[in-house]
Amino acid sequence: MKPQEIAKLQAYLQRKFDLPAISIRARPRKDDSAEVYIGEEFIGVLYRDDEDEDLSWSFQMAILEMDLDEA
């Protein structure tokens, strides 16, 4: 993903979740996805889908059972 695209997506997620600590970082050697963080904690991957006529992104986040113990 291009830096300008990442900046727009990051601003969107920060507004949507009311969480300025969300950041999106480019992935090395990958141009179809980026990593999503809250502070320094990696939380998931944002995938770019441009195969159809409409451009879209999907966010994938795994939640481990041990993470639920912290809740």
N, C-alpha and C. Protein backbone atom coordinates (compact mmCIF):
# COMPACT_ATOMS: atom_id res chain seq x y z
N MET A 1 0.84 -1.18 0.00
CA MET A 1 0.00 0.00 0.00
C MET A 1 0.88 1.25 0.00
N LYS A 2 0.39 2.26 -0.64
CA LYS A 2 1.13 3.51 -0.73
C LYS A 2 0.97 4.32 0.55
N PRO A 3 1.96 5.15 0.90
CA PRO A 3 1.89 5.95 2.13
C PRO A 3 0.63 6.81 2.24
N GLN A 4 0.19 7.40 1.14
CA GLN A 4 -1.01 8.25 1.16
C GLN A 4 -2.26 7.41 1.49
N GLU A 5 -2.33 6.22 0.94
CA GLU A 5 -3.46 5.32 1.20
C GLU A 5 -3.44 4.89 2.68
N ILE A 6 -2.28 4.55 3.19
CA ILE A 6 -2.14 4.16 4.59
C ILE A 6 -2.58 5.29 5.51
N ALA A 7 -2.18 6.51 5.20
CA ALA A 7 -2.55 7.67 6.03
C ALA A 7 -4.07 7.86 6.07
N LYS A 8 -4.74 7.71 4.94
CA LYS A 8 -6.20 7.85 4.89
C LYS A 8 -6.89 6.75 5.71
N LEU A 9 -6.42 5.52 5.56
CA LEU A 9 -7.00 4.41 6.30
C LEU A 9 -6.76 4.55 7.80
N GLN A 10 -5.58 5.01 8.18
CA GLN A 10 -5.27 5.20 9.59
C GLN A 10 -6.18 6.27 10.18
N ALA A 11 -6.35 7.38 9.50
CA ALA A 11 -7.24 8.44 9.99
C ALA A 11 -8.68 7.92 10.12
N TYR A 12 -9.11 7.11 9.16
CA TYR A 12 -10.47 6.54 9.22
C TYR A 12 -10.64 5.66 10.46
N LEU A 13 -9.69 4.74 10.69
CA LEU A 13 -9.79 3.84 11.84
C LEU A 13 -9.70 4.60 13.16
N GLN A 14 -8.86 5.61 13.22
CA GLN A 14 -8.76 6.42 14.45
C GLN A 14 -10.08 7.10 14.77
N ARG A 15 -10.74 7.64 13.74
CA ARG A 15 -12.05 8.28 13.94
C ARG A 15 -13.12 7.24 14.27
N LYS A 16 -13.18 6.16 13.52
CA LYS A 16 -14.22 5.13 13.67
C LYS A 16 -14.20 4.52 15.07
N PHE A 17 -13.01 4.22 15.58
CA PHE A 17 -12.88 3.59 16.90
C PHE A 17 -12.58 4.59 18.01
N ASP A 18 -12.53 5.88 17.67
CA ASP A 18 -12.22 6.93 18.64
C ASP A 18 -10.96 6.56 19.42
N LEU A 19 -9.92 6.20 18.66
CA LEU A 19 -8.69 5.69 19.26
C LEU A 19 -7.47 6.21 18.49
N PRO A 20 -6.93 7.36 18.90
CA PRO A 20 -5.78 7.92 18.19
C PRO A 20 -4.53 7.06 18.22
N ALA A 21 -4.48 6.07 19.13
CA ALA A 21 -3.29 5.21 19.24
C ALA A 21 -3.21 4.17 18.12
N ILE A 22 -4.26 4.02 17.31
CA ILE A 22 -4.21 3.08 16.18
C ILE A 22 -3.26 3.61 15.12
N SER A 23 -2.38 2.75 14.65
CA SER A 23 -1.50 3.12 13.55
C SER A 23 -1.44 1.98 12.55
N ILE A 24 -1.17 2.34 11.31
CA ILE A 24 -1.03 1.37 10.24
C ILE A 24 0.37 1.51 9.68
N ARG A 25 1.04 0.38 9.53
CA ARG A 25 2.43 0.38 9.05
C ARG A 25 2.56 -0.53 7.83
N ALA A 26 3.31 -0.06 6.87
CA ALA A 26 3.55 -0.85 5.66
C ALA A 26 4.26 -2.15 6.03
N ARG A 27 3.97 -3.19 5.26
CA ARG A 27 4.63 -4.49 5.47
C ARG A 27 5.81 -4.61 4.52
N PRO A 28 6.94 -5.09 5.00
CA PRO A 28 8.08 -5.29 4.10
C PRO A 28 7.75 -6.32 3.02
N ARG A 29 8.10 -6.01 1.82
CA ARG A 29 7.93 -6.91 0.66
C ARG A 29 6.47 -7.26 0.35
N LYS A 30 5.51 -6.52 0.89
CA LYS A 30 4.09 -6.76 0.59
C LYS A 30 3.48 -5.43 0.18
N ASP A 31 2.75 -5.41 -0.92
CA ASP A 31 2.10 -4.17 -1.33
C ASP A 31 0.58 -4.27 -1.33
N ASP A 32 0.05 -5.42 -0.88
CA ASP A 32 -1.41 -5.59 -0.86
C ASP A 32 -1.98 -5.59 0.55
N SER A 33 -1.13 -5.27 1.55
CA SER A 33 -1.58 -5.30 2.93
C SER A 33 -0.69 -4.44 3.81
N ALA A 34 -1.18 -4.17 5.02
CA ALA A 34 -0.42 -3.39 5.99
C ALA A 34 -0.75 -3.92 7.39
N GLU A 35 0.13 -3.64 8.34
CA GLU A 35 -0.07 -4.10 9.72
C GLU A 35 -0.76 -3.02 10.53
N VAL A 36 -1.63 -3.45 11.44
CA VAL A 36 -2.37 -2.51 12.30
C VAL A 36 -1.88 -2.69 13.74
N TYR A 37 -1.62 -1.58 14.39
CA TYR A 37 -1.11 -1.56 15.77
C TYR A 37 -1.97 -0.65 16.64
N ILE A 38 -2.02 -0.98 17.93
CA ILE A 38 -2.47 -0.04 18.94
C ILE A 38 -1.25 0.22 19.80
N GLY A 39 -0.73 1.42 19.74
CA GLY A 39 0.56 1.70 20.36
C GLY A 39 1.61 0.86 19.67
N GLU A 40 2.32 0.05 20.42
CA GLU A 40 3.35 -0.84 19.85
C GLU A 40 2.87 -2.28 19.73
N GLU A 41 1.59 -2.52 20.08
CA GLU A 41 1.06 -3.89 20.03
C GLU A 41 0.44 -4.18 18.66
N PHE A 42 0.95 -5.18 17.99
CA PHE A 42 0.39 -5.63 16.71
C PHE A 42 -0.97 -6.26 16.97
N ILE A 43 -2.01 -5.82 16.24
CA ILE A 43 -3.35 -6.38 16.46
C ILE A 43 -3.94 -7.04 15.22
N GLY A 44 -3.40 -6.80 14.04
CA GLY A 44 -3.99 -7.43 12.86
C GLY A 44 -3.41 -6.93 11.56
N VAL A 45 -4.03 -7.38 10.48
CA VAL A 45 -3.57 -7.03 9.13
C VAL A 45 -4.74 -6.45 8.35
N LEU A 46 -4.46 -5.41 7.61
CA LEU A 46 -5.44 -4.76 6.74
C LEU A 46 -5.10 -5.15 5.30
N TYR A 47 -6.03 -5.80 4.62
CA TYR A 47 -5.80 -6.28 3.25
C TYR A 47 -6.51 -5.39 2.24
N ARG A 48 -5.84 -5.11 1.14
CA ARG A 48 -6.40 -4.32 0.03
C ARG A 48 -6.97 -5.27 -1.00
N ASP A 49 -8.21 -5.03 -1.42
CA ASP A 49 -8.86 -5.85 -2.44
C ASP A 49 -9.25 -4.97 -3.61
N ASP A 50 -8.52 -5.10 -4.70
CA ASP A 50 -8.83 -4.30 -5.90
C ASP A 50 -9.12 -5.19 -7.10
N GLU A 51 -9.52 -6.44 -6.84
CA GLU A 51 -9.82 -7.36 -7.93
C GLU A 51 -11.18 -7.08 -8.58
N ASP A 52 -12.12 -6.60 -7.81
CA ASP A 52 -13.43 -6.27 -8.35
C ASP A 52 -13.40 -4.83 -8.86
N GLU A 53 -14.53 -4.36 -9.33
CA GLU A 53 -14.60 -2.98 -9.80
C GLU A 53 -14.48 -2.00 -8.64
N ASP A 54 -14.91 -2.42 -7.45
CA ASP A 54 -14.87 -1.55 -6.28
C ASP A 54 -13.64 -1.87 -5.43
N LEU A 55 -12.90 -0.83 -5.08
CA LEU A 55 -11.76 -0.98 -4.19
C LEU A 55 -12.28 -1.08 -2.75
N SER A 56 -11.75 -2.03 -1.99
CA SER A 56 -12.15 -2.18 -0.60
C SER A 56 -10.97 -2.71 0.21
N TRP A 57 -11.12 -2.67 1.53
CA TRP A 57 -10.11 -3.17 2.44
C TRP A 57 -10.81 -4.05 3.47
N SER A 58 -10.12 -5.05 3.95
CA SER A 58 -10.68 -5.88 5.02
C SER A 58 -9.64 -6.01 6.12
N PHE A 59 -10.12 -5.98 7.34
CA PHE A 59 -9.27 -6.04 8.51
C PHE A 59 -9.42 -7.41 9.16
N GLN A 60 -8.30 -8.08 9.39
CA GLN A 60 -8.31 -9.39 10.03
C GLN A 60 -7.54 -9.33 11.34
N MET A 61 -8.22 -9.77 12.41
CA MET A 61 -7.63 -9.74 13.75
C MET A 61 -7.89 -11.08 14.43
N ALA A 62 -6.86 -11.71 14.89
CA ALA A 62 -7.01 -12.96 15.65
C ALA A 62 -7.04 -12.63 17.13
N ILE A 63 -7.93 -13.28 17.87
CA ILE A 63 -8.01 -13.11 19.31
C ILE A 63 -7.68 -14.45 19.94
N LEU A 64 -6.60 -14.49 20.69
CA LEU A 64 -6.16 -15.71 21.34
C LEU A 64 -6.89 -15.87 22.67
N GLU A 65 -7.14 -17.09 23.07
CA GLU A 65 -7.82 -17.35 24.33
C GLU A 65 -7.08 -16.71 25.50
N MET A 66 -5.75 -16.75 25.47
CA MET A 66 -4.98 -16.17 26.57
C MET A 66 -5.17 -14.66 26.66
N ASP A 67 -5.49 -14.02 25.52
CA ASP A 67 -5.76 -12.59 25.54
C ASP A 67 -7.04 -12.27 26.31
N LEU A 68 -7.98 -13.19 26.32
CA LEU A 68 -9.24 -12.99 27.03
C LEU A 68 -9.06 -12.97 28.54
N ASP A 69 -8.02 -13.62 29.01
CA ASP A 69 -7.74 -13.64 30.45
C ASP A 69 -7.38 -12.25 30.97
N GLU A 70 -6.88 -11.39 30.07
CA GLU A 70 -6.52 -10.02 30.46
C GLU A 70 -7.73 -9.11 30.55
N ALA A 71 -8.87 -9.55 30.03
CA ALA A 71 -10.07 -8.70 29.98
C ALA A 71 -10.71 -8.54 31.33
